[in-house]
Amino acid sequence: VERLQWKEMGMTAEYTWDVFSTVDGYGSYNEHGDWGGYWSKQGPELLAHRAALFARKQRMIYGATTFREVAEIMRSGTDPNSLDEWNVRLMRMPATVVSSTLHDDLGWPDATIVRGDAVDIVRRLKAESDIPLRSQASLSLNRALMAAGLVDRLQLTVFPVISGRSGTSRILEGADDFDLELLESRTLDGQTQELVYRPTLH
């Protein structure tokens, strides 16, 4: 009944783009970097906060590249960060993967591979889902969704490093112009900033 009333009011599921970044805007690093997971800046507050974010059920949305990377890390167990509680909870979430190339769920317990236009797929999910939607990384996918006005919250976790020599994957490279309304901000472990914005196409 609650879901029906919610849909009758024209409300849609909230979509959060959740992304990690260096101060200079990189999402990962190459073989010249020796940073380690979280750029070696994780602390107890960050890990506890991340675990709390995944305490409620959400549907994860992935592009093929990020899904392959995450599934491989989780499946191999070689990355000690995959044992962090928030990653354990993440793997229990249902996932929708937008891909024209994947034919396998790669061991994710509840993953659905969907083919088609990402904007149309996510617009439909926002209208139909009775749980929030969240996407990690999936940079090109989320830049397109943000341009289409489908990203309600840009959750940017900024680690206190500059990776000008080794940084790869600029988070917002090629994005449109946006105005950002700051919704939340917090400092974790005295050094890492989490900034949550509502993006609006400028």
N, C-alpha and C. Protein backbone atom coordinates (compact mmCIF):
# COMPACT_ATOMS: atom_id res chain seq x y z
N VAL A 1 0.83 -1.20 0.00
CA VAL A 1 0.00 0.00 0.00
C VAL A 1 0.87 1.26 0.00
N GLU A 2 1.92 1.26 0.85
CA GLU A 2 2.80 2.43 0.91
C GLU A 2 3.46 2.68 -0.43
N ARG A 3 3.90 1.60 -1.09
CA ARG A 3 4.54 1.77 -2.38
C ARG A 3 3.56 2.34 -3.39
N LEU A 4 2.30 1.86 -3.38
CA LEU A 4 1.30 2.35 -4.31
C LEU A 4 1.04 3.83 -4.10
N GLN A 5 0.91 4.25 -2.82
CA GLN A 5 0.69 5.67 -2.52
C GLN A 5 1.88 6.50 -2.98
N TRP A 6 3.06 5.98 -2.77
CA TRP A 6 4.30 6.67 -3.16
C TRP A 6 4.31 6.89 -4.66
N LYS A 7 3.96 5.84 -5.43
CA LYS A 7 3.96 5.96 -6.88
C LYS A 7 2.82 6.87 -7.36
N GLU A 8 1.68 6.83 -6.68
CA GLU A 8 0.57 7.69 -7.08
C GLU A 8 0.91 9.17 -6.91
N MET A 9 1.83 9.46 -5.96
CA MET A 9 2.25 10.84 -5.73
C MET A 9 3.30 11.28 -6.76
N GLY A 10 3.66 10.38 -7.67
CA GLY A 10 4.61 10.73 -8.71
C GLY A 10 6.05 10.73 -8.25
N MET A 11 6.34 10.13 -7.11
CA MET A 11 7.71 10.10 -6.60
C MET A 11 8.49 8.97 -7.27
N THR A 12 9.77 9.19 -7.44
CA THR A 12 10.63 8.18 -8.04
C THR A 12 11.73 7.80 -7.05
N ALA A 13 12.33 6.65 -7.28
CA ALA A 13 13.41 6.19 -6.42
C ALA A 13 14.61 7.12 -6.53
N GLU A 14 15.22 7.43 -5.40
CA GLU A 14 16.38 8.32 -5.38
C GLU A 14 17.60 7.59 -5.95
N TYR A 15 18.34 8.29 -6.80
CA TYR A 15 19.53 7.73 -7.43
C TYR A 15 20.76 8.47 -6.94
N THR A 16 21.71 7.72 -6.35
CA THR A 16 22.96 8.29 -5.85
C THR A 16 24.13 7.76 -6.66
N TRP A 17 24.95 8.69 -7.17
CA TRP A 17 26.22 8.30 -7.79
C TRP A 17 27.30 8.45 -6.73
N ASP A 18 27.87 7.32 -6.35
CA ASP A 18 28.81 7.22 -5.24
C ASP A 18 30.20 7.00 -5.83
N VAL A 19 31.11 7.96 -5.63
CA VAL A 19 32.40 7.85 -6.30
C VAL A 19 33.53 8.34 -5.41
N PHE A 20 34.66 7.64 -5.47
CA PHE A 20 35.87 8.01 -4.74
C PHE A 20 36.77 8.82 -5.67
N SER A 21 37.50 9.80 -5.08
CA SER A 21 38.34 10.66 -5.90
C SER A 21 39.53 11.16 -5.11
N THR A 22 40.60 11.46 -5.83
CA THR A 22 41.71 12.21 -5.25
C THR A 22 41.35 13.70 -5.29
N VAL A 23 42.15 14.53 -4.66
CA VAL A 23 41.90 15.97 -4.68
C VAL A 23 41.96 16.51 -6.11
N ASP A 24 42.82 15.91 -6.95
CA ASP A 24 42.92 16.38 -8.32
C ASP A 24 42.01 15.61 -9.29
N GLY A 25 41.02 14.91 -8.75
CA GLY A 25 39.94 14.40 -9.57
C GLY A 25 40.12 13.06 -10.22
N TYR A 26 41.08 12.25 -9.77
CA TYR A 26 41.28 10.92 -10.34
C TYR A 26 40.56 9.85 -9.52
N GLY A 27 40.06 8.84 -10.22
CA GLY A 27 39.35 7.76 -9.54
C GLY A 27 40.17 6.51 -9.33
N SER A 28 41.34 6.43 -9.95
CA SER A 28 42.20 5.26 -9.79
C SER A 28 43.63 5.66 -10.15
N TYR A 29 44.54 4.69 -10.14
CA TYR A 29 45.92 5.01 -10.45
C TYR A 29 46.55 3.87 -11.24
N ASN A 30 47.66 4.19 -11.91
CA ASN A 30 48.31 3.21 -12.77
C ASN A 30 49.44 2.49 -12.04
N GLU A 31 50.24 1.74 -12.82
CA GLU A 31 51.29 0.91 -12.22
C GLU A 31 52.39 1.73 -11.57
N HIS A 32 52.44 3.04 -11.84
CA HIS A 32 53.45 3.88 -11.21
C HIS A 32 53.05 4.31 -9.79
N GLY A 33 51.80 4.07 -9.44
CA GLY A 33 51.33 4.44 -8.10
C GLY A 33 51.49 3.29 -7.13
N ASP A 34 51.88 3.60 -5.90
CA ASP A 34 52.03 2.55 -4.89
C ASP A 34 51.15 2.88 -3.68
N TRP A 35 49.95 3.37 -3.98
CA TRP A 35 49.09 3.90 -2.94
C TRP A 35 48.44 2.82 -2.07
N GLY A 36 47.96 1.75 -2.67
CA GLY A 36 47.15 0.78 -1.94
C GLY A 36 45.68 1.18 -1.99
N GLY A 37 44.83 0.34 -1.45
CA GLY A 37 43.40 0.63 -1.42
C GLY A 37 43.08 1.89 -0.66
N TYR A 38 42.07 2.61 -1.11
CA TYR A 38 41.67 3.89 -0.52
C TYR A 38 42.83 4.88 -0.50
N TRP A 39 43.76 4.70 -1.42
CA TRP A 39 44.99 5.52 -1.44
C TRP A 39 45.68 5.49 -0.07
N SER A 40 45.52 4.37 0.65
CA SER A 40 46.12 4.14 1.99
C SER A 40 45.65 5.15 3.03
N LYS A 41 44.46 5.73 2.83
CA LYS A 41 43.96 6.74 3.76
C LYS A 41 42.69 6.29 4.50
N GLN A 42 42.38 4.99 4.44
CA GLN A 42 41.18 4.54 5.15
C GLN A 42 41.41 4.60 6.66
N GLY A 43 40.32 4.82 7.38
CA GLY A 43 40.37 4.84 8.84
C GLY A 43 39.07 4.28 9.37
N PRO A 44 38.95 4.13 10.67
CA PRO A 44 37.75 3.52 11.25
C PRO A 44 36.46 4.29 10.99
N GLU A 45 36.53 5.62 10.97
CA GLU A 45 35.31 6.40 10.70
C GLU A 45 34.83 6.19 9.28
N LEU A 46 35.75 6.21 8.34
CA LEU A 46 35.37 5.98 6.94
C LEU A 46 34.72 4.62 6.78
N LEU A 47 35.35 3.58 7.31
CA LEU A 47 34.84 2.22 7.13
C LEU A 47 33.50 2.03 7.83
N ALA A 48 33.34 2.61 9.02
CA ALA A 48 32.06 2.50 9.73
C ALA A 48 30.96 3.25 8.99
N HIS A 49 31.30 4.42 8.44
CA HIS A 49 30.32 5.20 7.69
C HIS A 49 29.91 4.46 6.43
N ARG A 50 30.87 3.88 5.72
CA ARG A 50 30.54 3.12 4.52
C ARG A 50 29.66 1.92 4.85
N ALA A 51 29.94 1.24 5.95
CA ALA A 51 29.11 0.10 6.34
C ALA A 51 27.68 0.54 6.63
N ALA A 52 27.53 1.71 7.28
CA ALA A 52 26.19 2.22 7.58
C ALA A 52 25.43 2.57 6.31
N LEU A 53 26.13 3.07 5.29
CA LEU A 53 25.47 3.41 4.03
C LEU A 53 24.83 2.18 3.38
N PHE A 54 25.45 1.03 3.61
CA PHE A 54 24.95 -0.20 2.99
C PHE A 54 24.16 -1.07 3.96
N ALA A 55 23.72 -0.48 5.06
CA ALA A 55 22.90 -1.21 6.01
C ALA A 55 21.46 -1.35 5.52
N ARG A 56 21.03 -0.43 4.65
CA ARG A 56 19.67 -0.53 4.09
C ARG A 56 19.75 -1.05 2.67
N LYS A 57 18.71 -1.73 2.27
CA LYS A 57 18.70 -2.34 0.95
C LYS A 57 18.62 -1.27 -0.12
N GLN A 58 19.43 -1.44 -1.14
CA GLN A 58 19.45 -0.56 -2.29
C GLN A 58 19.71 -1.41 -3.52
N ARG A 59 19.35 -0.90 -4.68
CA ARG A 59 19.70 -1.59 -5.93
C ARG A 59 20.91 -0.90 -6.52
N MET A 60 21.96 -1.68 -6.78
CA MET A 60 23.18 -1.16 -7.37
C MET A 60 23.02 -1.11 -8.89
N ILE A 61 23.55 -0.06 -9.49
CA ILE A 61 23.52 0.10 -10.94
C ILE A 61 24.97 0.18 -11.42
N TYR A 62 25.33 -0.65 -12.39
CA TYR A 62 26.70 -0.68 -12.88
C TYR A 62 26.76 -0.64 -14.40
N GLY A 63 27.83 -0.07 -14.93
CA GLY A 63 28.24 -0.31 -16.29
C GLY A 63 29.08 -1.58 -16.30
N ALA A 64 29.35 -2.11 -17.50
CA ALA A 64 30.03 -3.39 -17.60
C ALA A 64 31.45 -3.37 -17.02
N THR A 65 32.21 -2.31 -17.30
CA THR A 65 33.62 -2.27 -16.87
C THR A 65 33.74 -2.29 -15.36
N THR A 66 33.02 -1.41 -14.68
CA THR A 66 33.09 -1.37 -13.21
C THR A 66 32.56 -2.66 -12.61
N PHE A 67 31.48 -3.20 -13.18
CA PHE A 67 30.93 -4.45 -12.65
C PHE A 67 31.96 -5.57 -12.75
N ARG A 68 32.65 -5.66 -13.87
CA ARG A 68 33.68 -6.70 -14.01
C ARG A 68 34.76 -6.52 -12.95
N GLU A 69 35.20 -5.27 -12.75
CA GLU A 69 36.26 -5.00 -11.79
C GLU A 69 35.83 -5.36 -10.37
N VAL A 70 34.64 -4.92 -9.98
CA VAL A 70 34.16 -5.17 -8.62
C VAL A 70 33.93 -6.66 -8.41
N ALA A 71 33.27 -7.31 -9.36
CA ALA A 71 32.98 -8.74 -9.22
C ALA A 71 34.25 -9.56 -9.13
N GLU A 72 35.26 -9.19 -9.92
CA GLU A 72 36.52 -9.93 -9.90
C GLU A 72 37.24 -9.77 -8.56
N ILE A 73 37.26 -8.56 -8.04
CA ILE A 73 37.89 -8.32 -6.74
C ILE A 73 37.20 -9.11 -5.65
N MET A 74 35.88 -9.07 -5.65
CA MET A 74 35.11 -9.75 -4.61
C MET A 74 35.27 -11.27 -4.73
N ARG A 75 35.25 -11.76 -5.97
CA ARG A 75 35.30 -13.20 -6.20
C ARG A 75 36.68 -13.77 -5.88
N SER A 76 37.73 -13.01 -6.21
CA SER A 76 39.08 -13.52 -6.01
C SER A 76 39.50 -13.52 -4.54
N GLY A 77 39.00 -12.51 -3.80
CA GLY A 77 39.37 -12.41 -2.39
C GLY A 77 40.82 -12.01 -2.18
N THR A 78 41.50 -11.58 -3.25
CA THR A 78 42.91 -11.22 -3.13
C THR A 78 43.11 -9.81 -2.59
N ASP A 79 42.09 -8.97 -2.71
CA ASP A 79 42.18 -7.61 -2.20
C ASP A 79 41.62 -7.58 -0.78
N PRO A 80 42.46 -7.29 0.22
CA PRO A 80 41.97 -7.30 1.61
C PRO A 80 40.82 -6.32 1.85
N ASN A 81 40.74 -5.27 1.02
CA ASN A 81 39.64 -4.31 1.19
C ASN A 81 38.29 -4.93 0.86
N SER A 82 38.29 -6.03 0.10
CA SER A 82 37.02 -6.68 -0.22
C SER A 82 36.37 -7.29 1.02
N LEU A 83 37.15 -7.44 2.09
CA LEU A 83 36.62 -8.00 3.33
C LEU A 83 36.03 -6.93 4.24
N ASP A 84 36.19 -5.66 3.90
CA ASP A 84 35.58 -4.60 4.70
C ASP A 84 34.07 -4.80 4.72
N GLU A 85 33.45 -4.50 5.86
CA GLU A 85 32.04 -4.81 6.03
C GLU A 85 31.16 -4.18 4.96
N TRP A 86 31.48 -2.97 4.52
CA TRP A 86 30.61 -2.34 3.52
C TRP A 86 30.67 -3.10 2.20
N ASN A 87 31.82 -3.69 1.87
CA ASN A 87 31.91 -4.48 0.65
C ASN A 87 31.18 -5.81 0.79
N VAL A 88 31.22 -6.39 1.98
CA VAL A 88 30.45 -7.62 2.23
C VAL A 88 28.96 -7.33 2.04
N ARG A 89 28.49 -6.21 2.59
CA ARG A 89 27.08 -5.84 2.44
C ARG A 89 26.74 -5.49 1.00
N LEU A 90 27.70 -4.86 0.32
CA LEU A 90 27.48 -4.49 -1.08
C LEU A 90 27.15 -5.71 -1.93
N MET A 91 27.86 -6.80 -1.72
CA MET A 91 27.65 -8.01 -2.52
C MET A 91 26.28 -8.63 -2.28
N ARG A 92 25.62 -8.26 -1.19
CA ARG A 92 24.28 -8.80 -0.91
C ARG A 92 23.18 -7.99 -1.60
N MET A 93 23.56 -6.85 -2.17
CA MET A 93 22.57 -5.98 -2.81
C MET A 93 22.20 -6.51 -4.19
N PRO A 94 20.94 -6.35 -4.59
CA PRO A 94 20.61 -6.64 -5.98
C PRO A 94 21.30 -5.65 -6.89
N ALA A 95 21.69 -6.10 -8.07
CA ALA A 95 22.42 -5.24 -9.00
C ALA A 95 21.82 -5.33 -10.39
N THR A 96 21.75 -4.18 -11.05
CA THR A 96 21.38 -4.11 -12.46
C THR A 96 22.61 -3.65 -13.22
N VAL A 97 23.01 -4.41 -14.22
CA VAL A 97 24.20 -4.10 -15.01
C VAL A 97 23.76 -3.76 -16.42
N VAL A 98 24.08 -2.54 -16.85
CA VAL A 98 23.73 -2.10 -18.20
C VAL A 98 24.90 -2.46 -19.11
N SER A 99 24.68 -3.44 -20.00
CA SER A 99 25.78 -3.91 -20.83
C SER A 99 25.25 -4.63 -22.07
N SER A 100 25.92 -4.40 -23.19
CA SER A 100 25.61 -5.13 -24.42
C SER A 100 26.62 -6.24 -24.65
N THR A 101 27.60 -6.38 -23.76
CA THR A 101 28.67 -7.37 -23.96
C THR A 101 28.68 -8.47 -22.92
N LEU A 102 28.21 -8.20 -21.72
CA LEU A 102 28.22 -9.22 -20.67
C LEU A 102 27.12 -10.25 -20.90
N HIS A 103 27.45 -11.51 -20.62
CA HIS A 103 26.46 -12.59 -20.72
C HIS A 103 26.43 -13.41 -19.44
N ASP A 104 27.11 -12.94 -18.41
CA ASP A 104 27.29 -13.72 -17.19
C ASP A 104 27.23 -12.78 -15.99
N ASP A 105 26.65 -13.25 -14.87
CA ASP A 105 26.56 -12.41 -13.68
C ASP A 105 27.84 -12.40 -12.87
N LEU A 106 28.87 -13.13 -13.31
CA LEU A 106 30.21 -13.13 -12.71
C LEU A 106 30.18 -13.47 -11.22
N GLY A 107 29.23 -14.28 -10.83
CA GLY A 107 29.16 -14.74 -9.45
C GLY A 107 28.46 -13.81 -8.49
N TRP A 108 27.94 -12.68 -8.99
CA TRP A 108 27.19 -11.77 -8.12
C TRP A 108 25.88 -12.47 -7.74
N PRO A 109 25.55 -12.56 -6.45
CA PRO A 109 24.39 -13.36 -6.03
C PRO A 109 23.06 -12.94 -6.64
N ASP A 110 22.87 -11.65 -6.90
CA ASP A 110 21.57 -11.19 -7.40
C ASP A 110 21.80 -10.08 -8.43
N ALA A 111 22.33 -10.48 -9.60
CA ALA A 111 22.62 -9.50 -10.65
C ALA A 111 21.77 -9.79 -11.88
N THR A 112 21.30 -8.70 -12.50
CA THR A 112 20.53 -8.78 -13.73
C THR A 112 21.25 -7.99 -14.81
N ILE A 113 21.53 -8.64 -15.94
CA ILE A 113 22.17 -7.96 -17.06
C ILE A 113 21.06 -7.41 -17.96
N VAL A 114 21.13 -6.11 -18.26
CA VAL A 114 20.10 -5.46 -19.07
C VAL A 114 20.75 -4.80 -20.28
N ARG A 115 20.18 -5.03 -21.44
CA ARG A 115 20.68 -4.41 -22.66
C ARG A 115 19.76 -3.27 -23.06
N GLY A 116 20.35 -2.23 -23.66
CA GLY A 116 19.55 -1.11 -24.10
C GLY A 116 20.19 0.20 -23.71
N ASP A 117 19.44 1.28 -23.91
CA ASP A 117 19.93 2.62 -23.60
C ASP A 117 19.91 2.85 -22.10
N ALA A 118 21.05 3.24 -21.53
CA ALA A 118 21.17 3.38 -20.09
C ALA A 118 20.19 4.41 -19.53
N VAL A 119 20.01 5.51 -20.24
CA VAL A 119 19.09 6.55 -19.76
C VAL A 119 17.67 6.01 -19.66
N ASP A 120 17.24 5.28 -20.67
CA ASP A 120 15.89 4.70 -20.64
C ASP A 120 15.75 3.67 -19.54
N ILE A 121 16.77 2.84 -19.38
CA ILE A 121 16.73 1.79 -18.36
C ILE A 121 16.64 2.39 -16.97
N VAL A 122 17.49 3.37 -16.68
CA VAL A 122 17.49 3.96 -15.33
C VAL A 122 16.25 4.80 -15.09
N ARG A 123 15.76 5.47 -16.11
CA ARG A 123 14.51 6.22 -15.94
C ARG A 123 13.37 5.28 -15.56
N ARG A 124 13.32 4.12 -16.18
CA ARG A 124 12.29 3.13 -15.85
C ARG A 124 12.49 2.59 -14.43
N LEU A 125 13.74 2.29 -14.08
CA LEU A 125 14.01 1.80 -12.73
C LEU A 125 13.62 2.81 -11.67
N LYS A 126 13.92 4.09 -11.92
CA LYS A 126 13.55 5.13 -10.95
C LYS A 126 12.03 5.18 -10.76
N ALA A 127 11.29 4.93 -11.84
CA ALA A 127 9.83 4.98 -11.75
C ALA A 127 9.25 3.74 -11.07
N GLU A 128 9.94 2.61 -11.19
CA GLU A 128 9.37 1.34 -10.73
C GLU A 128 9.92 0.84 -9.40
N SER A 129 11.14 1.23 -9.05
CA SER A 129 11.80 0.65 -7.87
C SER A 129 11.20 1.19 -6.57
N ASP A 130 11.04 0.30 -5.59
CA ASP A 130 10.58 0.73 -4.28
C ASP A 130 11.73 0.80 -3.28
N ILE A 131 12.97 0.70 -3.78
CA ILE A 131 14.15 0.93 -2.94
C ILE A 131 15.06 1.90 -3.67
N PRO A 132 15.93 2.62 -2.93
CA PRO A 132 16.84 3.59 -3.58
C PRO A 132 17.79 2.90 -4.54
N LEU A 133 18.28 3.67 -5.50
CA LEU A 133 19.26 3.21 -6.46
C LEU A 133 20.61 3.85 -6.15
N ARG A 134 21.67 3.08 -6.28
CA ARG A 134 23.02 3.59 -6.01
C ARG A 134 23.98 3.02 -7.05
N SER A 135 24.89 3.85 -7.50
CA SER A 135 25.89 3.39 -8.44
C SER A 135 27.27 3.80 -7.95
N GLN A 136 28.21 2.87 -8.05
CA GLN A 136 29.59 3.16 -7.70
C GLN A 136 30.42 3.32 -8.96
N ALA A 137 31.24 4.34 -9.00
CA ALA A 137 32.13 4.58 -10.15
C ALA A 137 31.32 4.58 -11.44
N SER A 138 31.54 3.59 -12.35
CA SER A 138 30.80 3.53 -13.62
C SER A 138 30.75 4.93 -14.25
N LEU A 139 31.91 5.47 -14.53
CA LEU A 139 32.05 6.90 -14.82
C LEU A 139 31.29 7.35 -16.06
N SER A 140 31.49 6.71 -17.19
CA SER A 140 30.81 7.17 -18.41
C SER A 140 29.31 6.98 -18.29
N LEU A 141 28.88 5.89 -17.68
CA LEU A 141 27.45 5.65 -17.46
C LEU A 141 26.84 6.79 -16.66
N ASN A 142 27.47 7.15 -15.56
CA ASN A 142 26.88 8.14 -14.66
C ASN A 142 27.00 9.56 -15.18
N ARG A 143 28.02 9.85 -15.96
CA ARG A 143 28.08 11.16 -16.59
C ARG A 143 26.89 11.34 -17.54
N ALA A 144 26.54 10.27 -18.27
CA ALA A 144 25.38 10.33 -19.17
C ALA A 144 24.08 10.47 -18.39
N LEU A 145 23.97 9.75 -17.28
CA LEU A 145 22.76 9.82 -16.47
C LEU A 145 22.62 11.19 -15.81
N MET A 146 23.74 11.77 -15.40
CA MET A 146 23.70 13.10 -14.79
C MET A 146 23.27 14.13 -15.82
N ALA A 147 23.76 14.00 -17.05
CA ALA A 147 23.37 14.92 -18.12
C ALA A 147 21.88 14.82 -18.43
N ALA A 148 21.31 13.63 -18.21
CA ALA A 148 19.88 13.41 -18.46
C ALA A 148 19.01 13.78 -17.26
N GLY A 149 19.65 14.28 -16.19
CA GLY A 149 18.89 14.71 -15.02
C GLY A 149 18.41 13.58 -14.13
N LEU A 150 19.05 12.41 -14.21
CA LEU A 150 18.60 11.25 -13.45
C LEU A 150 19.37 11.01 -12.15
N VAL A 151 20.47 11.75 -11.95
CA VAL A 151 21.26 11.60 -10.72
C VAL A 151 20.76 12.62 -9.70
N ASP A 152 20.20 12.11 -8.61
CA ASP A 152 19.67 13.00 -7.56
C ASP A 152 20.75 13.46 -6.60
N ARG A 153 21.73 12.58 -6.36
CA ARG A 153 22.78 12.87 -5.39
C ARG A 153 24.13 12.43 -5.96
N LEU A 154 25.07 13.34 -5.98
CA LEU A 154 26.45 13.03 -6.32
C LEU A 154 27.21 12.96 -5.00
N GLN A 155 27.59 11.75 -4.59
CA GLN A 155 28.28 11.54 -3.32
C GLN A 155 29.76 11.35 -3.62
N LEU A 156 30.52 12.37 -3.33
CA LEU A 156 31.93 12.43 -3.69
C LEU A 156 32.78 12.28 -2.43
N THR A 157 33.54 11.20 -2.35
CA THR A 157 34.46 11.00 -1.24
C THR A 157 35.85 11.37 -1.72
N VAL A 158 36.41 12.43 -1.14
CA VAL A 158 37.68 12.99 -1.61
C VAL A 158 38.78 12.61 -0.62
N PHE A 159 39.73 11.81 -1.11
CA PHE A 159 40.84 11.37 -0.27
C PHE A 159 41.98 12.40 -0.35
N PRO A 160 42.71 12.58 0.76
CA PRO A 160 43.70 13.66 0.83
C PRO A 160 45.01 13.31 0.14
N VAL A 161 44.94 13.14 -1.17
CA VAL A 161 46.14 12.88 -1.96
C VAL A 161 46.03 13.61 -3.30
N ILE A 162 47.17 13.89 -3.89
CA ILE A 162 47.26 14.37 -5.27
C ILE A 162 48.02 13.29 -6.04
N SER A 163 47.42 12.81 -7.12
CA SER A 163 48.03 11.71 -7.87
C SER A 163 48.34 12.14 -9.30
N GLY A 164 48.97 13.31 -9.42
CA GLY A 164 49.25 13.86 -10.74
C GLY A 164 50.11 12.98 -11.61
N ARG A 165 51.02 12.19 -11.02
CA ARG A 165 51.90 11.32 -11.79
C ARG A 165 51.25 9.99 -12.12
N SER A 166 50.49 9.46 -11.18
CA SER A 166 49.98 8.09 -11.35
C SER A 166 48.46 8.01 -11.54
N GLY A 167 47.76 9.14 -11.42
CA GLY A 167 46.30 9.10 -11.48
C GLY A 167 45.75 8.72 -12.85
N THR A 168 44.67 7.95 -12.85
CA THR A 168 43.95 7.59 -14.07
C THR A 168 42.46 7.75 -13.83
N SER A 169 41.70 7.79 -14.90
CA SER A 169 40.24 7.86 -14.84
C SER A 169 39.76 9.13 -14.13
N ARG A 170 39.84 10.24 -14.83
CA ARG A 170 39.30 11.48 -14.27
C ARG A 170 37.80 11.35 -14.10
N ILE A 171 37.33 11.63 -12.90
CA ILE A 171 35.92 11.38 -12.54
C ILE A 171 34.96 12.10 -13.48
N LEU A 172 35.21 13.38 -13.72
CA LEU A 172 34.24 14.20 -14.45
C LEU A 172 34.74 14.66 -15.81
N GLU A 173 35.76 13.99 -16.34
CA GLU A 173 36.27 14.36 -17.65
C GLU A 173 35.20 14.16 -18.72
N GLY A 174 34.93 15.21 -19.48
CA GLY A 174 33.92 15.12 -20.53
C GLY A 174 32.50 15.38 -20.07
N ALA A 175 32.33 15.69 -18.79
CA ALA A 175 30.98 15.96 -18.27
C ALA A 175 30.49 17.32 -18.76
N ASP A 176 29.17 17.52 -18.71
CA ASP A 176 28.58 18.82 -19.00
C ASP A 176 28.84 19.78 -17.84
N ASP A 177 28.35 21.00 -17.96
CA ASP A 177 28.45 21.98 -16.87
C ASP A 177 27.26 21.80 -15.93
N PHE A 178 27.56 21.81 -14.61
CA PHE A 178 26.51 21.62 -13.62
C PHE A 178 26.65 22.63 -12.49
N ASP A 179 25.52 23.07 -11.96
CA ASP A 179 25.49 23.75 -10.67
C ASP A 179 25.30 22.67 -9.62
N LEU A 180 25.96 22.85 -8.47
CA LEU A 180 25.91 21.86 -7.40
C LEU A 180 25.36 22.49 -6.13
N GLU A 181 24.32 21.88 -5.60
CA GLU A 181 23.77 22.30 -4.30
C GLU A 181 24.30 21.35 -3.24
N LEU A 182 25.02 21.88 -2.26
CA LEU A 182 25.59 21.04 -1.21
C LEU A 182 24.49 20.57 -0.26
N LEU A 183 24.30 19.27 -0.17
CA LEU A 183 23.28 18.70 0.70
C LEU A 183 23.85 18.22 2.03
N GLU A 184 25.06 17.65 1.98
CA GLU A 184 25.69 17.12 3.19
C GLU A 184 27.20 17.25 3.04
N SER A 185 27.88 17.37 4.18
CA SER A 185 29.34 17.31 4.16
C SER A 185 29.81 16.76 5.50
N ARG A 186 30.87 15.98 5.45
CA ARG A 186 31.43 15.45 6.68
C ARG A 186 32.91 15.17 6.47
N THR A 187 33.65 15.23 7.57
CA THR A 187 35.06 14.87 7.56
C THR A 187 35.21 13.55 8.29
N LEU A 188 35.88 12.60 7.66
CA LEU A 188 36.06 11.26 8.22
C LEU A 188 37.52 11.04 8.57
N ASP A 189 37.76 10.58 9.78
CA ASP A 189 39.11 10.32 10.27
C ASP A 189 39.99 11.55 10.21
N GLY A 190 39.39 12.74 10.27
CA GLY A 190 40.13 13.99 10.32
C GLY A 190 40.81 14.37 9.03
N GLN A 191 40.52 13.65 7.91
CA GLN A 191 41.28 13.94 6.69
C GLN A 191 40.51 13.73 5.40
N THR A 192 39.55 12.83 5.37
CA THR A 192 38.82 12.51 4.14
C THR A 192 37.49 13.22 4.13
N GLN A 193 37.17 13.88 3.02
CA GLN A 193 35.93 14.65 2.91
C GLN A 193 34.88 13.87 2.13
N GLU A 194 33.67 13.81 2.69
CA GLU A 194 32.54 13.32 1.92
C GLU A 194 31.61 14.50 1.64
N LEU A 195 31.37 14.76 0.38
CA LEU A 195 30.53 15.87 -0.06
C LEU A 195 29.38 15.31 -0.88
N VAL A 196 28.16 15.64 -0.50
CA VAL A 196 26.99 15.16 -1.22
C VAL A 196 26.28 16.35 -1.85
N TYR A 197 26.17 16.32 -3.17
CA TYR A 197 25.60 17.42 -3.92
C TYR A 197 24.34 16.99 -4.68
N ARG A 198 23.47 17.96 -4.94
CA ARG A 198 22.40 17.77 -5.92
C ARG A 198 22.84 18.48 -7.20
N PRO A 199 23.10 17.73 -8.28
CA PRO A 199 23.56 18.36 -9.52
C PRO A 199 22.40 18.84 -10.39
N THR A 200 22.55 20.01 -10.96
CA THR A 200 21.57 20.56 -11.90
C THR A 200 22.31 21.06 -13.13
N LEU A 201 21.86 20.65 -14.28
CA LEU A 201 22.51 21.06 -15.52
C LEU A 201 22.51 22.57 -15.63
N HIS A 202 23.67 23.16 -15.90
CA HIS A 202 23.82 24.62 -15.93
C HIS A 202 23.35 25.16 -17.27
